[in-house]
Amino acid sequence: MDSCGCGAWGATLRFEMPVASVDEIQVDGRVLPADAYRVDNGTLLVRQDGSQWPYCQDMSKPLGQAGTWGVTFRVGKPVPAGGRIAAGILAEELAKAACGSNKCRLPRRVQSINRQGATMAMMLDTFDDLDKGKTGIWLIDSWVASVTKPDIGFSIASPGHRPPGRQTTWRAP
């Protein structure tokens, strides 16, 4: 640490939001190689090259000069495989609907039937759950429901159970 109170912060920094990926880290005008850091538990930026994060930032200088450092990252959590599948199915069904395909699985509100000169229109789906974000396709709706359940506010713990330790959630490809 120098006389101004600046120096090294430590090997781990905590973000206040989940980190999906790190695009770039600059320290003193140089870009750190991607294998110099990783993200653990979605919020901990960990140096793994033996160095520590700087403690000070010279705010009078633009990023990229000596005395500055910055992290460019993407916020969010990776979409699980089930979500990617559900999104793909929904995109496919929306494309079918846009093309007027009769193989579209999205519910239709009204269908008309012509028989011997008489036309009848009937409501097939009332869209009762449309305001709840449902699509009418079971696979999509069940996956969304599985990840959007409200927190019921309690948990059960066993004295012999220990939560998992730190887990790496992002590493440079």
Protein backbone atom coordinates (compact mmCIF):
# COMPACT_ATOMS: atom_id res chain seq x y z
CA MET A 1 0.00 0.00 0.00
CA ASP A 2 1.38 3.47 -0.85
CA SER A 3 1.17 6.70 1.22
CA CYS A 4 -2.14 7.72 -0.43
CA GLY A 5 -3.87 4.61 0.80
CA CYS A 6 -3.88 3.07 -2.67
CA GLY A 7 -2.58 -0.33 -3.49
CA ALA A 8 -3.98 -3.79 -3.95
CA TRP A 9 -7.53 -4.60 -2.89
CA GLY A 10 -7.40 -8.36 -2.76
CA ALA A 11 -7.88 -11.32 -5.06
CA THR A 12 -11.71 -11.27 -4.98
CA LEU A 13 -14.29 -8.57 -5.77
CA ARG A 14 -18.02 -8.94 -5.15
CA PHE A 15 -20.61 -7.71 -7.66
CA GLU A 16 -24.07 -6.68 -6.49
CA MET A 17 -25.72 -8.43 -9.42
CA PRO A 18 -25.26 -11.78 -11.16
CA VAL A 19 -22.52 -11.81 -13.79
CA ALA A 20 -23.29 -13.79 -16.95
CA SER A 21 -19.90 -13.21 -18.57
CA VAL A 22 -16.87 -10.91 -18.52
CA ASP A 23 -16.02 -9.24 -21.81
CA GLU A 24 -12.82 -7.45 -20.80
CA ILE A 25 -10.81 -6.22 -17.83
CA GLN A 26 -8.27 -3.40 -18.18
CA VAL A 27 -5.71 -2.56 -15.52
CA ASP A 28 -3.24 0.30 -16.04
CA GLY A 29 -3.92 0.45 -19.74
CA ARG A 30 -3.48 -3.22 -20.53
CA VAL A 31 -6.14 -5.85 -21.11
CA LEU A 32 -5.87 -8.80 -18.76
CA PRO A 33 -5.83 -12.19 -20.45
CA ALA A 34 -9.11 -14.02 -19.93
CA ASP A 35 -7.40 -16.82 -18.02
CA ALA A 36 -6.26 -14.32 -15.35
CA TYR A 37 -9.72 -14.24 -13.71
CA ARG A 38 -12.96 -16.16 -13.27
CA VAL A 39 -16.40 -15.63 -11.73
CA ASP A 40 -17.46 -17.76 -8.76
CA ASN A 41 -21.03 -18.13 -7.43
CA GLY A 42 -22.23 -15.66 -10.06
CA THR A 43 -21.02 -12.58 -8.15
CA LEU A 44 -17.36 -13.03 -7.18
CA LEU A 45 -14.66 -11.85 -9.59
CA VAL A 46 -11.55 -13.84 -8.68
CA ARG A 47 -7.97 -13.20 -9.83
CA GLN A 48 -6.30 -16.48 -10.62
CA ASP A 49 -2.98 -15.20 -11.92
CA GLY A 50 -1.44 -14.49 -8.50
CA SER A 51 -2.13 -10.73 -8.65
CA GLN A 52 -4.71 -8.66 -6.78
CA TRP A 53 -7.29 -6.10 -7.87
CA PRO A 54 -6.27 -2.43 -7.61
CA TYR A 55 -7.72 -0.44 -4.72
CA CYS A 56 -7.65 3.01 -6.36
CA GLN A 57 -8.80 4.57 -9.59
CA ASP A 58 -7.56 7.87 -11.03
CA MET A 59 -10.92 9.32 -12.08
CA SER A 60 -9.22 12.25 -13.86
CA LYS A 61 -7.93 9.87 -16.54
CA PRO A 62 -9.88 7.94 -19.17
CA LEU A 63 -9.93 4.16 -18.92
CA GLY A 64 -6.92 2.69 -20.65
CA GLN A 65 -4.27 4.84 -19.02
CA ALA A 66 -1.97 4.11 -16.09
CA GLY A 67 -3.79 4.42 -12.78
CA THR A 68 -7.14 3.29 -14.19
CA TRP A 69 -8.93 0.00 -14.32
CA GLY A 70 -12.33 -1.25 -15.38
CA VAL A 71 -14.43 -4.35 -15.91
CA THR A 72 -16.81 -4.78 -18.86
CA PHE A 73 -19.28 -7.54 -18.12
CA ARG A 74 -22.76 -8.80 -18.94
CA VAL A 75 -25.39 -8.97 -16.23
CA GLY A 76 -27.67 -11.95 -15.89
CA LYS A 77 -27.84 -15.65 -15.42
CA PRO A 78 -27.40 -18.15 -18.21
CA VAL A 79 -30.69 -19.50 -19.51
CA PRO A 80 -30.99 -23.18 -18.59
CA ALA A 81 -31.40 -25.78 -21.35
CA GLY A 82 -35.14 -26.10 -20.63
CA GLY A 83 -35.61 -22.37 -21.18
CA ARG A 84 -33.70 -22.44 -24.46
CA ILE A 85 -35.87 -25.34 -25.64
CA ALA A 86 -39.09 -23.57 -24.59
CA ALA A 87 -38.00 -20.35 -26.34
CA GLY A 88 -37.20 -22.30 -29.51
CA ILE A 89 -40.60 -23.99 -29.49
CA LEU A 90 -42.37 -20.66 -28.95
CA ALA A 91 -40.39 -19.02 -31.78
CA GLU A 92 -41.29 -21.89 -34.10
CA GLU A 93 -44.99 -21.67 -33.22
CA LEU A 94 -45.04 -17.88 -33.64
CA ALA A 95 -43.44 -18.30 -37.09
CA LYS A 96 -46.08 -20.88 -38.02
CA ALA A 97 -48.83 -18.51 -36.85
CA ALA A 98 -47.34 -15.63 -38.86
CA CYS A 99 -47.32 -17.81 -41.99
CA GLY A 100 -50.89 -18.99 -41.44
CA SER A 101 -49.86 -22.61 -40.99
CA ASN A 102 -52.58 -24.97 -39.85
CA LYS A 103 -49.92 -26.87 -37.85
CA CYS A 104 -49.48 -24.02 -35.34
CA ARG A 105 -50.02 -25.21 -31.77
CA LEU A 106 -50.83 -21.77 -30.35
CA PRO A 107 -54.48 -21.59 -29.34
CA ARG A 108 -56.87 -19.80 -31.69
CA ARG A 109 -59.67 -17.73 -30.26
CA VAL A 110 -62.28 -18.19 -32.96
CA GLN A 111 -62.87 -20.82 -35.57
CA SER A 112 -65.61 -20.74 -38.14
CA ILE A 113 -67.31 -23.74 -39.67
CA ASN A 114 -69.31 -23.74 -42.93
CA ARG A 115 -71.83 -26.56 -43.45
CA GLN A 116 -74.52 -26.65 -46.11
CA GLY A 117 -74.63 -22.87 -46.45
CA ALA A 118 -74.70 -22.15 -42.70
CA THR A 119 -71.73 -20.50 -41.01
CA MET A 120 -71.07 -20.88 -37.33
CA ALA A 121 -68.30 -19.20 -35.34
CA MET A 122 -67.29 -20.48 -31.94
CA MET A 123 -64.83 -19.41 -29.25
CA LEU A 124 -62.36 -22.25 -28.81
CA ASP A 125 -60.09 -20.75 -26.20
CA THR A 126 -60.99 -18.06 -23.70
CA PHE A 127 -57.32 -17.23 -22.97
CA ASP A 128 -58.11 -17.27 -19.27
CA ASP A 129 -54.43 -17.53 -18.40
CA LEU A 130 -53.04 -15.13 -21.03
CA ASP A 131 -52.69 -12.40 -18.38
CA LYS A 132 -50.57 -14.85 -16.35
CA GLY A 133 -48.08 -15.23 -19.21
CA LYS A 134 -49.30 -18.61 -20.44
CA THR A 135 -49.09 -19.57 -24.11
CA GLY A 136 -51.42 -22.56 -24.22
CA ILE A 137 -48.55 -24.89 -25.09
CA TRP A 138 -48.03 -27.25 -22.15
CA LEU A 139 -44.25 -27.69 -22.52
CA ILE A 140 -43.62 -23.94 -22.52
CA ASP A 141 -46.13 -23.12 -19.79
CA SER A 142 -44.90 -25.89 -17.48
CA TRP A 143 -41.25 -24.83 -17.84
CA VAL A 144 -42.07 -21.17 -17.13
CA ALA A 145 -44.12 -22.21 -14.09
CA SER A 146 -41.23 -24.33 -12.82
CA VAL A 147 -38.87 -21.33 -12.68
CA THR A 148 -41.30 -18.60 -11.62
CA LYS A 149 -42.83 -20.20 -8.55
CA PRO A 150 -43.14 -17.71 -5.71
CA ASP A 151 -40.76 -18.11 -2.77
CA ILE A 152 -42.80 -19.66 0.02
CA GLY A 153 -40.44 -18.32 2.66
CA PHE A 154 -39.19 -21.32 4.59
CA SER A 155 -36.57 -24.00 4.36
CA ILE A 156 -35.62 -27.19 6.13
CA ALA A 157 -32.06 -27.80 7.23
CA SER A 158 -30.33 -30.90 8.48
CA PRO A 159 -27.52 -30.56 11.04
CA GLY A 160 -25.37 -32.87 8.91
CA HIS A 161 -25.90 -30.93 5.68
CA ARG A 162 -23.42 -28.29 4.60
CA PRO A 163 -24.14 -25.99 1.67
CA PRO A 164 -21.80 -26.35 -1.29
CA GLY A 165 -18.73 -24.15 -1.22
CA ARG A 166 -17.70 -21.70 -3.88
CA GLN A 167 -18.40 -22.83 -7.43
CA THR A 168 -17.00 -21.31 -10.61
CA THR A 169 -19.91 -20.00 -12.68
CA TRP A 170 -17.99 -18.35 -15.54
CA ARG A 171 -14.57 -18.99 -17.01
CA ALA A 172 -13.15 -17.73 -20.28
CA PRO A 173 -13.91 -20.12 -23.13
